[in-house]
Amino acid sequence: EEPVDEYAPTGFHQTMIGDVLGSRYRVLRKLGWGVYSTVWLVQNDRSAQVL
């Protein structure tokens, strides 16, 4: 897991499983992370499409 202290107003956006982003995309699970990004599996709540 990446360090939680990386999540800050000037760093990564803190995202948790179950969060809804943009009133549309529900976070299902973390796919991976690295130095510059974190990749999440999300589901579009409007179409049920998994992205």
PDB file of N, CA and C in Angstrom:
ATOM      1  N   GLU A   1       0.832  -1.194   0.000  1.00  0.00           N
ATOM      2  CA  GLU A   1       0.000   0.000   0.000  1.00  0.00           C
ATOM      3  C   GLU A   1       0.873   1.251   0.000  1.00  0.00           C
ATOM      4  N   GLU A   2       0.355   2.283  -0.654  1.00  0.00           N
ATOM      5  CA  GLU A   2       1.080   3.543  -0.675  1.00  0.00           C
ATOM      6  C   GLU A   2       0.927   4.247   0.670  1.00  0.00           C
ATOM      7  N   PRO A   3       1.872   5.095   1.036  1.00  0.00           N
ATOM      8  CA  PRO A   3       1.810   5.804   2.318  1.00  0.00           C
ATOM      9  C   PRO A   3       0.618   6.762   2.374  1.00  0.00           C
ATOM     10  N   VAL A   4      -0.130   6.712   3.464  1.00  0.00           N
ATOM     11  CA  VAL A   4      -1.300   7.577   3.622  1.00  0.00           C
ATOM     12  C   VAL A   4      -0.895   9.042   3.694  1.00  0.00           C
ATOM     13  N   ASP A   5       0.308   9.337   4.168  1.00  0.00           N
ATOM     14  CA  ASP A   5       0.729  10.735   4.259  1.00  0.00           C
ATOM     15  C   ASP A   5       0.918  11.375   2.884  1.00  0.00           C
ATOM     16  N   GLU A   6       0.889  10.575   1.817  1.00  0.00           N
ATOM     17  CA  GLU A   6       0.946  11.120   0.454  1.00  0.00           C
ATOM     18  C   GLU A   6      -0.374  11.805   0.081  1.00  0.00           C
ATOM     19  N   TYR A   7      -1.447  11.463   0.794  1.00  0.00           N
ATOM     20  CA  TYR A   7      -2.755  12.062   0.538  1.00  0.00           C
ATOM     21  C   TYR A   7      -2.824  13.394   1.274  1.00  0.00           C
ATOM     22  N   ALA A   8      -2.743  14.479   0.534  1.00  0.00           N
ATOM     23  CA  ALA A   8      -2.738  15.820   1.108  1.00  0.00           C
ATOM     24  C   ALA A   8      -3.292  16.788   0.070  1.00  0.00           C
ATOM     25  N   PRO A   9      -3.679  17.994   0.491  1.00  0.00           N
ATOM     26  CA  PRO A   9      -4.206  18.969  -0.473  1.00  0.00           C
ATOM     27  C   PRO A   9      -3.274  19.198  -1.668  1.00  0.00           C
ATOM     28  N   THR A  10      -1.978  19.022  -1.467  1.00  0.00           N
ATOM     29  CA  THR A  10      -1.034  19.217  -2.570  1.00  0.00           C
ATOM     30  C   THR A  10      -0.536  17.895  -3.142  1.00  0.00           C
ATOM     31  N   GLY A  11      -1.111  16.777  -2.689  1.00  0.00           N
ATOM     32  CA  GLY A  11      -0.683  15.457  -3.152  1.00  0.00           C
ATOM     33  C   GLY A  11      -1.830  14.708  -3.803  1.00  0.00           C
ATOM     34  N   PHE A  12      -1.906  13.417  -3.534  1.00  0.00           N
ATOM     35  CA  PHE A  12      -2.955  12.579  -4.093  1.00  0.00           C
ATOM     36  C   PHE A  12      -4.309  12.899  -3.476  1.00  0.00           C
ATOM     37  N   HIS A  13      -5.385  12.662  -4.240  1.00  0.00           N
ATOM     38  CA  HIS A  13      -6.747  12.787  -3.709  1.00  0.00           C
ATOM     39  C   HIS A  13      -7.056  11.509  -2.940  1.00  0.00           C
ATOM     40  N   GLN A  14      -7.443  11.628  -1.672  1.00  0.00           N
ATOM     41  CA  GLN A  14      -7.738  10.444  -0.875  1.00  0.00           C
ATOM     42  C   GLN A  14      -9.049   9.836  -1.349  1.00  0.00           C
ATOM     43  N   THR A  15      -8.999   8.588  -1.776  1.00  0.00           N
ATOM     44  CA  THR A  15     -10.159   7.873  -2.289  1.00  0.00           C
ATOM     45  C   THR A  15     -10.311   6.583  -1.504  1.00  0.00           C
ATOM     46  N   MET A  16     -11.547   6.250  -1.149  1.00  0.00           N
ATOM     47  CA  MET A  16     -11.824   5.033  -0.401  1.00  0.00           C
ATOM     48  C   MET A  16     -12.800   4.176  -1.194  1.00  0.00           C
ATOM     49  N   ILE A  17     -12.724   2.867  -1.019  1.00  0.00           N
ATOM     50  CA  ILE A  17     -13.677   1.968  -1.660  1.00  0.00           C
ATOM     51  C   ILE A  17     -15.076   2.352  -1.189  1.00  0.00           C
ATOM     52  N   GLY A  18     -16.002   2.466  -2.151  1.00  0.00           N
ATOM     53  CA  GLY A  18     -17.370   2.881  -1.854  1.00  0.00           C
ATOM     54  C   GLY A  18     -17.620   4.352  -2.122  1.00  0.00           C
ATOM     55  N   ASP A  19     -16.563   5.155  -2.249  1.00  0.00           N
ATOM     56  CA  ASP A  19     -16.730   6.573  -2.579  1.00  0.00           C
ATOM     57  C   ASP A  19     -17.416   6.713  -3.931  1.00  0.00           C
ATOM     58  N   VAL A  20     -18.167   7.801  -4.093  1.00  0.00           N
ATOM     59  CA  VAL A  20     -18.779   8.125  -5.382  1.00  0.00           C
ATOM     60  C   VAL A  20     -18.128   9.406  -5.885  1.00  0.00           C
ATOM     61  N   LEU A  21     -17.556   9.333  -7.077  1.00  0.00           N
ATOM     62  CA  LEU A  21     -16.842  10.461  -7.672  1.00  0.00           C
ATOM     63  C   LEU A  21     -17.704  11.102  -8.744  1.00  0.00           C
ATOM     64  N   GLY A  22     -17.808  12.412  -8.716  1.00  0.00           N
ATOM     65  CA  GLY A  22     -18.572  13.126  -9.728  1.00  0.00           C
ATOM     66  C   GLY A  22     -20.040  12.750  -9.737  1.00  0.00           C
ATOM     67  N   SER A  23     -20.584  12.345  -8.602  1.00  0.00           N
ATOM     68  CA  SER A  23     -21.991  11.929  -8.482  1.00  0.00           C
ATOM     69  C   SER A  23     -22.345  10.821  -9.466  1.00  0.00           C
ATOM     70  N   ARG A  24     -21.349  10.041  -9.870  1.00  0.00           N
ATOM     71  CA  ARG A  24     -21.610   9.061 -10.922  1.00  0.00           C
ATOM     72  C   ARG A  24     -20.805   7.772 -10.798  1.00  0.00           C
ATOM     73  N   TYR A  25     -19.537   7.862 -10.431  1.00  0.00           N
ATOM     74  CA  TYR A  25     -18.648   6.705 -10.476  1.00  0.00           C
ATOM     75  C   TYR A  25     -18.371   6.172  -9.074  1.00  0.00           C
ATOM     76  N   ARG A  26     -18.798   4.941  -8.813  1.00  0.00           N
ATOM     77  CA  ARG A  26     -18.607   4.307  -7.509  1.00  0.00           C
ATOM     78  C   ARG A  26     -17.301   3.504  -7.532  1.00  0.00           C
ATOM     79  N   VAL A  27     -16.440   3.760  -6.553  1.00  0.00           N
ATOM     80  CA  VAL A  27     -15.141   3.095  -6.475  1.00  0.00           C
ATOM     81  C   VAL A  27     -15.343   1.668  -5.955  1.00  0.00           C
ATOM     82  N   LEU A  28     -14.893   0.689  -6.753  1.00  0.00           N
ATOM     83  CA  LEU A  28     -15.050  -0.717  -6.387  1.00  0.00           C
ATOM     84  C   LEU A  28     -13.797  -1.300  -5.742  1.00  0.00           C
ATOM     85  N   ARG A  29     -12.629  -1.019  -6.334  1.00  0.00           N
ATOM     86  CA  ARG A  29     -11.378  -1.515  -5.744  1.00  0.00           C
ATOM     87  C   ARG A  29     -10.174  -0.841  -6.386  1.00  0.00           C
ATOM     88  N   LYS A  30      -9.061  -0.929  -5.701  1.00  0.00           N
ATOM     89  CA  LYS A  30      -7.812  -0.372  -6.218  1.00  0.00           C
ATOM     90  C   LYS A  30      -7.160  -1.406  -7.133  1.00  0.00           C
ATOM     91  N   LEU A  31      -6.795  -0.974  -8.333  1.00  0.00           N
ATOM     92  CA  LEU A  31      -6.120  -1.865  -9.274  1.00  0.00           C
ATOM     93  C   LEU A  31      -4.605  -1.800  -9.130  1.00  0.00           C
ATOM     94  N   GLY A  32      -4.087  -0.618  -8.795  1.00  0.00           N
ATOM     95  CA  GLY A  32      -2.647  -0.476  -8.633  1.00  0.00           C
ATOM     96  C   GLY A  32      -2.273   0.951  -8.284  1.00  0.00           C
ATOM     97  N   TRP A  33      -1.007   1.135  -7.942  1.00  0.00           N
ATOM     98  CA  TRP A  33      -0.531   2.473  -7.613  1.00  0.00           C
ATOM     99  C   TRP A  33       0.959   2.548  -7.892  1.00  0.00           C
ATOM    100  N   GLY A  34       1.419   3.772  -8.042  1.00  0.00           N
ATOM    101  CA  GLY A  34       2.830   4.010  -8.300  1.00  0.00           C
ATOM    102  C   GLY A  34       3.222   5.386  -7.809  1.00  0.00           C
ATOM    103  N   VAL A  35       4.339   5.868  -8.273  1.00  0.00           N
ATOM    104  CA  VAL A  35       4.877   7.150  -7.826  1.00  0.00           C
ATOM    105  C   VAL A  35       3.955   8.303  -8.205  1.00  0.00           C
ATOM    106  N   TYR A  36       3.367   8.257  -9.401  1.00  0.00           N
ATOM    107  CA  TYR A  36       2.612   9.397  -9.909  1.00  0.00           C
ATOM    108  C   TYR A  36       1.104   9.204  -9.958  1.00  0.00           C
ATOM    109  N   SER A  37       0.601   8.007  -9.701  1.00  0.00           N
ATOM    110  CA  SER A  37      -0.847   7.814  -9.834  1.00  0.00           C
ATOM    111  C   SER A  37      -1.326   6.580  -9.087  1.00  0.00           C
ATOM    112  N   THR A  38      -2.641   6.524  -8.909  1.00  0.00           N
ATOM    113  CA  THR A  38      -3.335   5.353  -8.393  1.00  0.00           C
ATOM    114  C   THR A  38      -4.448   5.047  -9.377  1.00  0.00           C
ATOM    115  N   VAL A  39      -4.654   3.763  -9.679  1.00  0.00           N
ATOM    116  CA  VAL A  39      -5.677   3.363 -10.647  1.00  0.00           C
ATOM    117  C   VAL A  39      -6.772   2.609  -9.903  1.00  0.00           C
ATOM    118  N   TRP A  40      -8.025   3.061 -10.106  1.00  0.00           N
ATOM    119  CA  TRP A  40      -9.180   2.486  -9.422  1.00  0.00           C
ATOM    120  C   TRP A  40     -10.135   1.850 -10.413  1.00  0.00           C
ATOM    121  N   LEU A  41     -10.771   0.751 -10.014  1.00  0.00           N
ATOM    122  CA  LEU A  41     -11.865   0.157 -10.768  1.00  0.00           C
ATOM    123  C   LEU A  41     -13.134   0.819 -10.267  1.00  0.00           C
ATOM    124  N   VAL A  42     -13.916   1.381 -11.179  1.00  0.00           N
ATOM    125  CA  VAL A  42     -15.140   2.081 -10.793  1.00  0.00           C
ATOM    126  C   VAL A  42     -16.321   1.558 -11.600  1.00  0.00           C
ATOM    127  N   GLN A  43     -17.517   1.831 -11.091  1.00  0.00           N
ATOM    128  CA  GLN A  43     -18.743   1.482 -11.801  1.00  0.00           C
ATOM    129  C   GLN A  43     -19.555   2.741 -12.010  1.00  0.00           C
ATOM    130  N   ASN A  44     -20.025   2.924 -13.236  1.00  0.00           N
ATOM    131  CA  ASN A  44     -20.890   4.047 -13.567  1.00  0.00           C
ATOM    132  C   ASN A  44     -22.265   3.730 -12.988  1.00  0.00           C
ATOM    133  N   ASP A  45     -22.719   4.503 -12.013  1.00  0.00           N
ATOM    134  CA  ASP A  45     -24.005   4.242 -11.364  1.00  0.00           C
ATOM    135  C   ASP A  45     -25.190   4.456 -12.296  1.00  0.00           C
ATOM    136  N   ARG A  46     -25.010   5.211 -13.364  1.00  0.00           N
ATOM    137  CA  ARG A  46     -26.112   5.474 -14.296  1.00  0.00           C
ATOM    138  C   ARG A  46     -26.312   4.341 -15.297  1.00  0.00           C
ATOM    139  N   SER A  47     -25.213   3.715 -15.720  1.00  0.00           N
ATOM    140  CA  SER A  47     -25.323   2.676 -16.749  1.00  0.00           C
ATOM    141  C   SER A  47     -24.910   1.288 -16.254  1.00  0.00           C
ATOM    142  N   ALA A  48     -24.398   1.190 -15.037  1.00  0.00           N
ATOM    143  CA  ALA A  48     -23.898  -0.056 -14.443  1.00  0.00           C
ATOM    144  C   ALA A  48     -22.636  -0.562 -15.144  1.00  0.00           C
ATOM    145  N   GLN A  49     -22.058   0.234 -16.038  1.00  0.00           N
ATOM    146  CA  GLN A  49     -20.829  -0.144 -16.740  1.00  0.00           C
ATOM    147  C   GLN A  49     -19.651  -0.075 -15.773  1.00  0.00           C
ATOM    148  N   VAL A  50     -18.810  -1.107 -15.809  1.00  0.00           N
ATOM    149  CA  VAL A  50     -17.603  -1.134 -14.983  1.00  0.00           C
ATOM    150  C   VAL A  50     -16.451  -0.633 -15.835  1.00  0.00           C
ATOM    151  N   LEU A  51     -15.710   0.329 -15.291  1.00  0.00           N
ATOM    152  CA  LEU A  51     -14.615   0.966 -16.027  1.00  0.00           C
ATOM    153  C   LEU A  51     -13.304   0.784 -15.292  1.00  0.00           C
TER     154      LEU A  51
END
